[in-house]
C-alpha atoms as a PDB file:
ATOM      1  CA  UNK A   1      18.083  -4.009  -2.608  1.00  0.00           C
ATOM      2  CA  UNK A   2      21.493  -4.732  -4.640  1.00  0.00           C
ATOM      3  CA  UNK A   3      22.935  -2.301  -2.283  1.00  0.00           C
ATOM      4  CA  UNK A   4      21.371  -4.089   0.591  1.00  0.00           C
ATOM      5  CA  UNK A   5      22.439  -7.648  -0.540  1.00  0.00           C
ATOM      6  CA  UNK A   6      25.799  -6.290  -1.939  1.00  0.00           C
ATOM      7  CA  UNK A   7      26.978  -4.697   1.773  1.00  0.00           C
ATOM      8  CA  UNK A   8      25.824  -7.892   3.848  1.00  0.00           C
ATOM      9  CA  UNK A   9      27.748  -9.931   1.932  1.00  0.00           C
ATOM     10  CA  UNK A  10      31.093  -9.462   3.501  1.00  0.00           C
ATOM     11  CA  UNK A  11      32.327 -10.263   6.314  1.00  0.00           C
ATOM     12  CA  UNK A  12      33.991  -7.052   7.966  1.00  0.00           C
ATOM     13  CA  UNK A  13      31.020  -5.018   6.898  1.00  0.00           C
ATOM     14  CA  UNK A  14      29.037  -7.330   8.804  1.00  0.00           C
ATOM     15  CA  UNK A  15      31.280  -7.502  11.869  1.00  0.00           C
ATOM     16  CA  UNK A  16      30.998  -3.606  11.518  1.00  0.00           C
ATOM     17  CA  UNK A  17      27.219  -4.071  11.753  1.00  0.00           C
ATOM     18  CA  UNK A  18      27.704  -6.493  14.761  1.00  0.00           C
ATOM     19  CA  UNK A  19      29.706  -3.283  16.777  1.00  0.00           C
ATOM     20  CA  UNK A  20      27.108  -0.983  16.425  1.00  0.00           C
ATOM     21  CA  UNK A  21      24.676  -3.234  17.439  1.00  0.00           C
ATOM     22  CA  UNK A  22      26.607  -3.183  20.507  1.00  0.00           C
ATOM     23  CA  UNK A  23      27.070  -0.044  20.943  1.00  0.00           C
ATOM     24  CA  UNK A  24      25.402   1.645  18.634  1.00  0.00           C
ATOM     25  CA  UNK A  25      26.138   5.479  17.829  1.00  0.00           C
ATOM     26  CA  UNK A  26      30.378   4.958  17.287  1.00  0.00           C
ATOM     27  CA  UNK A  27      32.763   6.882  15.780  1.00  0.00           C
ATOM     28  CA  UNK A  28      35.152   6.053  13.041  1.00  0.00           C
ATOM     29  CA  UNK A  29      38.418   5.186  15.808  1.00  0.00           C
ATOM     30  CA  UNK A  30      36.333   3.744  18.220  1.00  0.00           C
ATOM     31  CA  UNK A  31      35.203   1.359  15.196  1.00  0.00           C
ATOM     32  CA  UNK A  32      38.972   1.262  13.484  1.00  0.00           C
ATOM     33  CA  UNK A  33      39.817  -0.437  16.762  1.00  0.00           C
ATOM     34  CA  UNK A  34      37.254  -3.342  16.485  1.00  0.00           C
ATOM     35  CA  UNK A  35      38.986  -4.248  13.167  1.00  0.00           C
ATOM     36  CA  UNK A  36      42.362  -6.174  12.226  1.00  0.00           C
ATOM     37  CA  UNK A  37      42.714  -3.174   8.544  1.00  0.00           C
ATOM     38  CA  UNK A  38      43.703   0.619   8.287  1.00  0.00           C
ATOM     39  CA  UNK A  39      41.286   3.586   8.466  1.00  0.00           C
ATOM     40  CA  UNK A  40      40.895   4.004   5.246  1.00  0.00           C
ATOM     41  CA  UNK A  41      39.853   0.346   5.166  1.00  0.00           C
ATOM     42  CA  UNK A  42      37.286   0.801   7.652  1.00  0.00           C
ATOM     43  CA  UNK A  43      36.000   4.111   6.110  1.00  0.00           C
ATOM     44  CA  UNK A  44      35.424   2.049   2.881  1.00  0.00           C
ATOM     45  CA  UNK A  45      33.278  -0.302   4.187  1.00  0.00           C
ATOM     46  CA  UNK A  46      31.744   2.076   6.058  1.00  0.00           C
ATOM     47  CA  UNK A  47      30.686   4.383   3.005  1.00  0.00           C
ATOM     48  CA  UNK A  48      29.289   1.161   1.332  1.00  0.00           C
ATOM     49  CA  UNK A  49      27.439   0.466   4.552  1.00  0.00           C
ATOM     50  CA  UNK A  50      25.792   4.184   4.187  1.00  0.00           C
ATOM     51  CA  UNK A  51      25.207   4.075   0.181  1.00  0.00           C
ATOM     52  CA  UNK A  52      22.940   0.898   1.047  1.00  0.00           C
ATOM     53  CA  UNK A  53      21.197   2.708   3.882  1.00  0.00           C
ATOM     54  CA  UNK A  54      22.396   0.260   6.624  1.00  0.00           C
ATOM     55  CA  UNK A  55      24.141   3.184   8.608  1.00  0.00           C
ATOM     56  CA  UNK A  56      23.307   6.444   9.237  1.00  0.00           C
ATOM     57  CA  UNK A  57      25.914   9.332  10.190  1.00  0.00           C
ATOM     58  CA  UNK A  58      25.297  12.056  12.437  1.00  0.00           C
ATOM     59  CA  UNK A  59      27.649  14.975  13.256  1.00  0.00           C
ATOM     60  CA  UNK A  60      27.755  16.084  17.754  1.00  0.00           C
ATOM     61  CA  UNK A  61      30.001  18.477  18.163  1.00  0.00           C
ATOM     62  CA  UNK A  62      33.258  17.320  16.313  1.00  0.00           C
ATOM     63  CA  UNK A  63      32.943  13.802  16.044  1.00  0.00           C
ATOM     64  CA  UNK A  64      30.938  11.917  13.591  1.00  0.00           C
ATOM     65  CA  UNK A  65      29.039   9.449  14.907  1.00  0.00           C
ATOM     66  CA  UNK A  66      27.521   5.693  13.081  1.00  0.00           C
ATOM     67  CA  UNK A  67      24.312   4.522  13.779  1.00  0.00           C
ATOM     68  CA  UNK A  68      22.388   1.064  12.609  1.00  0.00           C
ATOM     69  CA  UNK A  69      19.537   1.481  10.225  1.00  0.00           C
ATOM     70  CA  UNK A  70      17.303  -1.510  10.420  1.00  0.00           C
ATOM     71  CA  UNK A  71      14.407   0.052   7.574  1.00  0.00           C
ATOM     72  CA  UNK A  72      16.360  -1.893   4.553  1.00  0.00           C
ATOM     73  CA  UNK A  73      16.445  -4.937   6.633  1.00  0.00           C
ATOM     74  CA  UNK A  74      12.877  -4.377   6.946  1.00  0.00           C
ATOM     75  CA  UNK A  75      11.721  -3.961   3.166  1.00  0.00           C
ATOM     76  CA  UNK A  76      14.028  -7.274   2.596  1.00  0.00           C
ATOM     77  CA  UNK A  77      12.102  -9.131   5.349  1.00  0.00           C
ATOM     78  CA  UNK A  78       8.636  -7.778   4.158  1.00  0.00           C
ATOM     79  CA  UNK A  79       9.658  -7.962   0.247  1.00  0.00           C
ATOM     80  CA  UNK A  80      10.629 -11.880   0.596  1.00  0.00           C
ATOM     81  CA  UNK A  81      10.312 -13.237   3.464  1.00  0.00           C
ATOM     82  CA  UNK A  82       6.483 -12.701   3.922  1.00  0.00           C
ATOM     83  CA  UNK A  83       5.698 -13.690  -0.118  1.00  0.00           C
ATOM     84  CA  UNK A  84       7.083 -17.179   0.784  1.00  0.00           C
ATOM     85  CA  UNK A  85       6.911 -18.304   4.710  1.00  0.00           C
ATOM     86  CA  UNK A  86       8.122 -16.494   7.643  1.00  0.00           C
ATOM     87  CA  UNK A  87       9.807 -19.117   8.930  1.00  0.00           C
ATOM     88  CA  UNK A  88      12.422 -20.606   6.371  1.00  0.00           C
ATOM     89  CA  UNK A  89      14.595 -17.194   7.428  1.00  0.00           C
ATOM     90  CA  UNK A  90      16.441 -17.635  10.476  1.00  0.00           C
ATOM     91  CA  UNK A  91      19.674 -15.883  10.092  1.00  0.00           C
ATOM     92  CA  UNK A  92      17.614 -13.000   8.543  1.00  0.00           C
ATOM     93  CA  UNK A  93      15.531 -13.340  11.169  1.00  0.00           C
ATOM     94  CA  UNK A  94      17.999 -12.844  13.644  1.00  0.00           C
ATOM     95  CA  UNK A  95      20.032 -10.010  11.952  1.00  0.00           C
ATOM     96  CA  UNK A  96      16.516  -7.876  12.104  1.00  0.00           C
ATOM     97  CA  UNK A  97      15.836  -8.522  15.433  1.00  0.00           C
ATOM     98  CA  UNK A  98      19.909  -7.586  16.828  1.00  0.00           C
ATOM     99  CA  UNK A  99      19.032  -4.152  14.181  1.00  0.00           C
ATOM    100  CA  UNK A 100      15.993  -3.442  16.117  1.00  0.00           C
ATOM    101  CA  UNK A 101      17.454  -4.174  19.760  1.00  0.00           C
ATOM    102  CA  UNK A 102      17.716  -1.789  22.578  1.00  0.00           C
ATOM    103  CA  UNK A 103      19.627   1.668  22.708  1.00  0.00           C
ATOM    104  CA  UNK A 104      19.885   4.914  24.188  1.00  0.00           C
ATOM    105  CA  UNK A 105      19.017   6.984  20.688  1.00  0.00           C
ATOM    106  CA  UNK A 106      17.855   4.617  17.830  1.00  0.00           C
ATOM    107  CA  UNK A 107      18.386   6.074  13.996  1.00  0.00           C
ATOM    108  CA  UNK A 108      15.758   5.064  11.076  1.00  0.00           C
ATOM    109  CA  UNK A 109      15.625   6.120   7.653  1.00  0.00           C
ATOM    110  CA  UNK A 110      13.994   6.136   4.196  1.00  0.00           C
ATOM    111  CA  UNK A 111      13.738   6.981   0.869  1.00  0.00           C
ATOM    112  CA  UNK A 112       9.751   7.967  -0.308  1.00  0.00           C
ATOM    113  CA  UNK A 113       9.765   8.818  -4.039  1.00  0.00           C
ATOM    114  CA  UNK A 114       6.803  12.177  -2.697  1.00  0.00           C
ATOM    115  CA  UNK A 115       6.765  15.280  -2.291  1.00  0.00           C
ATOM    116  CA  UNK A 116       8.051  16.796   1.528  1.00  0.00           C
ATOM    117  CA  UNK A 117       3.813  17.791   1.673  1.00  0.00           C
ATOM    118  CA  UNK A 118       2.319  14.425   1.206  1.00  0.00           C
ATOM    119  CA  UNK A 119       4.542  12.947   3.943  1.00  0.00           C
ATOM    120  CA  UNK A 120       3.979  16.227   6.643  1.00  0.00           C
ATOM    121  CA  UNK A 121      -0.014  14.976   5.540  1.00  0.00           C
ATOM    122  CA  UNK A 122       0.843  11.568   5.852  1.00  0.00           C
ATOM    123  CA  UNK A 123       2.163  11.785   9.439  1.00  0.00           C
ATOM    124  CA  UNK A 124       0.003  14.559  10.980  1.00  0.00           C
ATOM    125  CA  UNK A 125      -3.799  13.703   8.888  1.00  0.00           C
ATOM    126  CA  UNK A 126      -5.081  11.117  11.896  1.00  0.00           C
ATOM    127  CA  UNK A 127      -7.064   8.949   9.025  1.00  0.00           C
ATOM    128  CA  UNK A 128      -4.035   8.619   7.051  1.00  0.00           C
ATOM    129  CA  UNK A 129      -1.517   7.486  10.235  1.00  0.00           C
ATOM    130  CA  UNK A 130      -3.853   5.034  11.447  1.00  0.00           C
ATOM    131  CA  UNK A 131      -3.593   3.292   7.805  1.00  0.00           C
ATOM    132  CA  UNK A 132      -0.105   2.240   8.534  1.00  0.00           C
ATOM    133  CA  UNK A 133       0.732   2.710  11.865  1.00  0.00           C
ATOM    134  CA  UNK A 134      -0.975  -0.087  13.330  1.00  0.00           C
ATOM    135  CA  UNK A 135      -4.266   1.321  13.503  1.00  0.00           C
ATOM    136  CA  UNK A 136      -3.123   4.369  15.747  1.00  0.00           C
ATOM    137  CA  UNK A 137      -4.194   7.786  14.712  1.00  0.00           C
ATOM    138  CA  UNK A 138      -1.909  11.036  15.830  1.00  0.00           C
ATOM    139  CA  UNK A 139      -4.503  13.540  17.029  1.00  0.00           C
ATOM    140  CA  UNK A 140      -3.715  16.676  18.026  1.00  0.00           C
ATOM    141  CA  UNK A 141      -3.560  20.846  16.320  1.00  0.00           C
ATOM    142  CA  UNK A 142       0.095  20.504  15.047  1.00  0.00           C
ATOM    143  CA  UNK A 143       1.471  23.687  17.017  1.00  0.00           C
ATOM    144  CA  UNK A 144       4.473  24.384  19.283  1.00  0.00           C
ATOM    145  CA  UNK A 145       3.913  23.392  22.650  1.00  0.00           C
ATOM    146  CA  UNK A 146       0.772  21.361  21.284  1.00  0.00           C
ATOM    147  CA  UNK A 147      -0.475  18.401  22.918  1.00  0.00           C
ATOM    148  CA  UNK A 148      -1.522  14.698  20.824  1.00  0.00           C
ATOM    149  CA  UNK A 149      -3.252  11.564  21.713  1.00  0.00           C
ATOM    150  CA  UNK A 150      -2.193   8.218  20.116  1.00  0.00           C
ATOM    151  CA  UNK A 151      -5.648   6.750  19.970  1.00  0.00           C
ATOM    152  CA  UNK A 152      -6.897   3.499  18.037  1.00  0.00           C
ATOM    153  CA  UNK A 153     -10.704   3.573  18.568  1.00  0.00           C
ATOM    154  CA  UNK A 154     -11.446   3.760  21.990  1.00  0.00           C
ATOM    155  CA  UNK A 155      -8.619   2.856  23.432  1.00  0.00           C
ATOM    156  CA  UNK A 156      -5.668   5.457  24.746  1.00  0.00           C
ATOM    157  CA  UNK A 157      -2.426   4.060  23.204  1.00  0.00           C
ATOM    158  CA  UNK A 158       0.154   7.515  24.340  1.00  0.00           C
ATOM    159  CA  UNK A 159      -0.099  11.163  24.757  1.00  0.00           C
ATOM    160  CA  UNK A 160       2.510  13.929  24.589  1.00  0.00           C
ATOM    161  CA  UNK A 161       3.732  17.082  23.568  1.00  0.00           C
ATOM    162  CA  UNK A 162       4.780  18.982  20.305  1.00  0.00           C
ATOM    163  CA  UNK A 163       7.735  20.291  20.808  1.00  0.00           C
ATOM    164  CA  UNK A 164       8.148  21.728  17.278  1.00  0.00           C
ATOM    165  CA  UNK A 165       6.106  21.838  14.487  1.00  0.00           C
ATOM    166  CA  UNK A 166       7.923  23.171  11.291  1.00  0.00           C
ATOM    167  CA  UNK A 167       6.269  21.824   8.262  1.00  0.00           C
ATOM    168  CA  UNK A 168       7.151  20.083   6.268  1.00  0.00           C
ATOM    169  CA  UNK A 169      10.357  19.580   6.913  1.00  0.00           C
ATOM    170  CA  UNK A 170      10.567  18.813  10.618  1.00  0.00           C
ATOM    171  CA  UNK A 171       8.048  17.614  13.364  1.00  0.00           C
ATOM    172  CA  UNK A 172       9.791  17.097  17.173  1.00  0.00           C
ATOM    173  CA  UNK A 173       7.587  15.279  19.751  1.00  0.00           C
ATOM    174  CA  UNK A 174       7.896  14.067  23.162  1.00  0.00           C
ATOM    175  CA  UNK A 175       5.538  11.402  24.062  1.00  0.00           C
ATOM    176  CA  UNK A 176       5.289   8.929  26.547  1.00  0.00           C
ATOM    177  CA  UNK A 177       3.499   5.100  25.461  1.00  0.00           C
ATOM    178  CA  UNK A 178       0.705   4.131  27.879  1.00  0.00           C
ATOM    179  CA  UNK A 179      -0.039   0.819  25.671  1.00  0.00           C
ATOM    180  CA  UNK A 180       0.926  -2.061  28.237  1.00  0.00           C
ATOM    181  CA  UNK A 181       2.471  -0.865  32.183  1.00  0.00           C
ATOM    182  CA  UNK A 182       5.591  -1.957  31.096  1.00  0.00           C
ATOM    183  CA  UNK A 183       6.099   0.922  28.365  1.00  0.00           C
ATOM    184  CA  UNK A 184       3.989   2.937  30.462  1.00  0.00           C
ATOM    185  CA  UNK A 185       7.181   2.729  33.024  1.00  0.00           C
ATOM    186  CA  UNK A 186       9.443   3.559  30.927  1.00  0.00           C
ATOM    187  CA  UNK A 187       8.547   7.667  31.163  1.00  0.00           C
ATOM    188  CA  UNK A 188       9.163  10.513  28.047  1.00  0.00           C
ATOM    189  CA  UNK A 189      11.120   9.441  25.102  1.00  0.00           C
ATOM    190  CA  UNK A 190      11.513  11.967  22.219  1.00  0.00           C
ATOM    191  CA  UNK A 191      11.092  11.476  18.464  1.00  0.00           C
ATOM    192  CA  UNK A 192      12.364  13.501  15.606  1.00  0.00           C
ATOM    193  CA  UNK A 193      10.747  13.919  11.973  1.00  0.00           C
ATOM    194  CA  UNK A 194      12.775  15.008   9.754  1.00  0.00           C
ATOM    195  CA  UNK A 195      12.122  15.398   5.847  1.00  0.00           C
ATOM    196  CA  UNK A 196      14.490  16.668   3.289  1.00  0.00           C
ATOM    197  CA  UNK A 197      13.686  16.373  -0.848  1.00  0.00           C
ATOM    198  CA  UNK A 198      16.415  14.552  -2.113  1.00  0.00           C
ATOM    199  CA  UNK A 199      15.640  14.882  -5.909  1.00  0.00           C
ATOM    200  CA  UNK A 200      12.336  13.675  -7.182  1.00  0.00           C
ATOM    201  CA  UNK A 201      11.615  11.604  -3.643  1.00  0.00           C
ATOM    202  CA  UNK A 202      12.034  12.541  -0.079  1.00  0.00           C
ATOM    203  CA  UNK A 203      14.915  11.258   2.508  1.00  0.00           C
ATOM    204  CA  UNK A 204      12.699  10.850   5.524  1.00  0.00           C
ATOM    205  CA  UNK A 205      14.952  10.296   8.996  1.00  0.00           C
ATOM    206  CA  UNK A 206      13.110   9.757  12.431  1.00  0.00           C
ATOM    207  CA  UNK A 207      15.286   9.612  15.406  1.00  0.00           C
ATOM    208  CA  UNK A 208      13.769   7.921  18.658  1.00  0.00           C
ATOM    209  CA  UNK A 209      16.083   9.329  21.379  1.00  0.00           C
ATOM    210  CA  UNK A 210      16.111   9.425  25.391  1.00  0.00           C
ATOM    211  CA  UNK A 211      15.604   5.948  25.470  1.00  0.00           C
ATOM    212  CA  UNK A 212      16.662   4.663  29.028  1.00  0.00           C
ATOM    213  CA  UNK A 213      19.396   2.217  28.694  1.00  0.00           C
ATOM    214  CA  UNK A 214      17.985  -1.511  28.001  1.00  0.00           C
ATOM    215  CA  UNK A 215      14.729   0.435  27.457  1.00  0.00           C
ATOM    216  CA  UNK A 216      11.326  -2.127  26.545  1.00  0.00           C
ATOM    217  CA  UNK A 217      12.339  -2.662  22.687  1.00  0.00           C
ATOM    218  CA  UNK A 218       7.771  -2.545  21.985  1.00  0.00           C
ATOM    219  CA  UNK A 219       9.035   1.534  22.095  1.00  0.00           C
ATOM    220  CA  UNK A 220      10.865   1.568  18.807  1.00  0.00           C
ATOM    221  CA  UNK A 221      10.736  -1.900  17.882  1.00  0.00           C
ATOM    222  CA  UNK A 222       8.148  -1.188  14.854  1.00  0.00           C
ATOM    223  CA  UNK A 223       9.262   1.354  13.199  1.00  0.00           C
ATOM    224  CA  UNK A 224      11.041  -0.009  10.321  1.00  0.00           C
ATOM    225  CA  UNK A 225       7.557  -1.176   9.807  1.00  0.00           C
ATOM    226  CA  UNK A 226       6.191   1.857  10.488  1.00  0.00           C
ATOM    227  CA  UNK A 227       8.361   3.918   7.612  1.00  0.00           C
ATOM    228  CA  UNK A 228       8.229   0.973   5.139  1.00  0.00           C
ATOM    229  CA  UNK A 229       4.332   1.202   5.365  1.00  0.00           C
ATOM    230  CA  UNK A 230       3.976   4.860   4.905  1.00  0.00           C
ATOM    231  CA  UNK A 231       6.472   4.187   1.681  1.00  0.00           C
ATOM    232  CA  UNK A 232       4.661   1.889   0.118  1.00  0.00           C
ATOM    233  CA  UNK A 233       0.985   3.742   0.693  1.00  0.00           C
ATOM    234  CA  UNK A 234       2.453   7.186  -0.820  1.00  0.00           C
ATOM    235  CA  UNK A 235       3.858   5.374  -3.683  1.00  0.00           C
ATOM    236  CA  UNK A 236       1.148   3.249  -4.142  1.00  0.00           C
ATOM    237  CA  UNK A 237      -1.639   3.805  -2.876  1.00  0.00           C
ATOM    238  CA  UNK A 238      -1.772   0.306  -1.080  1.00  0.00           C
ATOM    239  CA  UNK A 239      -0.516  -1.491   2.300  1.00  0.00           C
ATOM    240  CA  UNK A 240       1.409  -3.562   3.470  1.00  0.00           C
ATOM    241  CA  UNK A 241       0.917  -7.554   3.230  1.00  0.00           C
ATOM    242  CA  UNK A 242       3.295  -9.172   5.917  1.00  0.00           C
ATOM    243  CA  UNK A 243       2.214 -11.319   8.608  1.00  0.00           C
ATOM    244  CA  UNK A 244       3.002  -8.126  11.163  1.00  0.00           C
ATOM    245  CA  UNK A 245       0.948  -5.522   8.911  1.00  0.00           C
ATOM    246  CA  UNK A 246      -2.173  -8.390   8.779  1.00  0.00           C
ATOM    247  CA  UNK A 247      -2.289  -8.076  12.053  1.00  0.00           C
ATOM    248  CA  UNK A 248      -2.625  -4.835  13.040  1.00  0.00           C
ATOM    249  CA  UNK A 249      -5.957  -4.893  10.670  1.00  0.00           C
ATOM    250  CA  UNK A 250      -4.388  -3.994   6.866  1.00  0.00           C
ATOM    251  CA  UNK A 251      -5.662  -6.670   4.189  1.00  0.00           C
ATOM    252  CA  UNK A 252      -3.582  -8.674   1.689  1.00  0.00           C
ATOM    253  CA  UNK A 253      -6.550  -7.583  -0.981  1.00  0.00           C
ATOM    254  CA  UNK A 254      -6.738  -4.299  -2.362  1.00  0.00           C
ATOM    255  CA  UNK A 255      -9.852  -4.497   0.014  1.00  0.00           C
ATOM    256  CA  UNK A 256     -11.928  -1.728   2.047  1.00  0.00           C
ATOM    257  CA  UNK A 257      -8.804  -0.358   3.886  1.00  0.00           C
ATOM    258  CA  UNK A 258      -6.712  -0.350   0.595  1.00  0.00           C
ATOM    259  CA  UNK A 259      -9.524   1.498  -1.043  1.00  0.00           C
ATOM    260  CA  UNK A 260      -9.688   4.256   1.952  1.00  0.00           C
ATOM    261  CA  UNK A 261      -5.784   4.472   1.889  1.00  0.00           C
ATOM    262  CA  UNK A 262      -5.861   4.822  -2.554  1.00  0.00           C
ATOM    263  CA  UNK A 263      -8.501   7.619  -1.708  1.00  0.00           C
ATOM    264  CA  UNK A 264      -7.024   9.473   0.672  1.00  0.00           C
ATOM    265  CA  UNK A 265      -3.659   9.656  -1.198  1.00  0.00           C
ATOM    266  CA  UNK A 266      -5.531  10.703  -4.520  1.00  0.00           C
ATOM    267  CA  UNK A 267      -6.544  13.498  -2.513  1.00  0.00           C
ATOM    268  CA  UNK A 268      -3.355  15.123  -1.602  1.00  0.00           C
ATOM    269  CA  UNK A 269      -2.143  17.858  -3.675  1.00  0.00           C
ATOM    270  CA  UNK A 270       0.247  16.720  -6.698  1.00  0.00           C
ATOM    271  CA  UNK A 271      -0.303  12.808  -5.646  1.00  0.00           C
ATOM    272  CA  UNK A 272      -0.214   9.766  -7.508  1.00  0.00           C
ATOM    273  CA  UNK A 273      -0.610   6.694  -7.299  1.00  0.00           C
ATOM    274  CA  UNK A 274      -0.255   3.373  -9.917  1.00  0.00           C
END
C-alpha cells in the first residue's frame, strides 16, 4: 500500500495516469509528448507507477505499451473506504471510476501469496469461483475448444468457448455476456488469464480484450473486485466485506459463505490459510 500512496502523491504521476485513462496502451514516446520533461524523467515516473502496480507494460512487436491497472486502487478502496463510509472518499472514488472505464483492451494485475495450482483451481472450480465472482460459477470441461457457461443458480449470465487451456499457467476464453440486453448487444470479447510464479507468490494478470470502443463498462468494471476477492480468499480463506461484495451475497462475518470458502480452500493441495 505504501508504494501506491507514494506513487499517487506526485502530480506528474497522476498526470500520466490521466493520460493513460484518456488513451490506454500508449508508448513511452507518446507519453513523453504530453509532459514538459525529459524522456529520462518520464521513464523514472513510469517505473515508480509500475513498481506500485498502477500500470502494466506489454510488448506489441517492437513497441512497449503501457496500460492502467486499477486493481491497487480497488485494494485501497476495499481496505479503507468500506471500513468507514464510502461517501467520504469522493476523490478516491472518482479516480477509481476513471481507471475502470472503457478501453479497447484492459489489463488487471495482482500478486497473491499462493501457488499456480491453487489459483487455477479457484478459477475453474465452480463452487470456489462463485464465492468471489459475485455468485457466478463457470461450468466447463476445461479443454481446448470446450464450451463454458456462467450461471448464478438457474440464471444463465454468459457463455463462450475456451480457446486455450494450459493449466496452471494460462487460460484464454471468448465470452458473450448475457445478464442484460445492453451487455448482450456488445457481442463476444476475450479474457486471458496468466498465472506466473514469483517467489512464494503468483502474479495473476487478466487481460480483457476485443472490447468495442465505448463498450458497456459492466463488461470489465468488476475485474478489480473479482481479483481482490480471489486474493483475499486464497490468502485468508475469508470473503470480501466491502459494500459491493455484500450486495452480491457474501457475509461480513465468518458465516455460511465464509466457512464454505475456508473448507474448500483447505481441501486444496498445499493449502494453508490463516
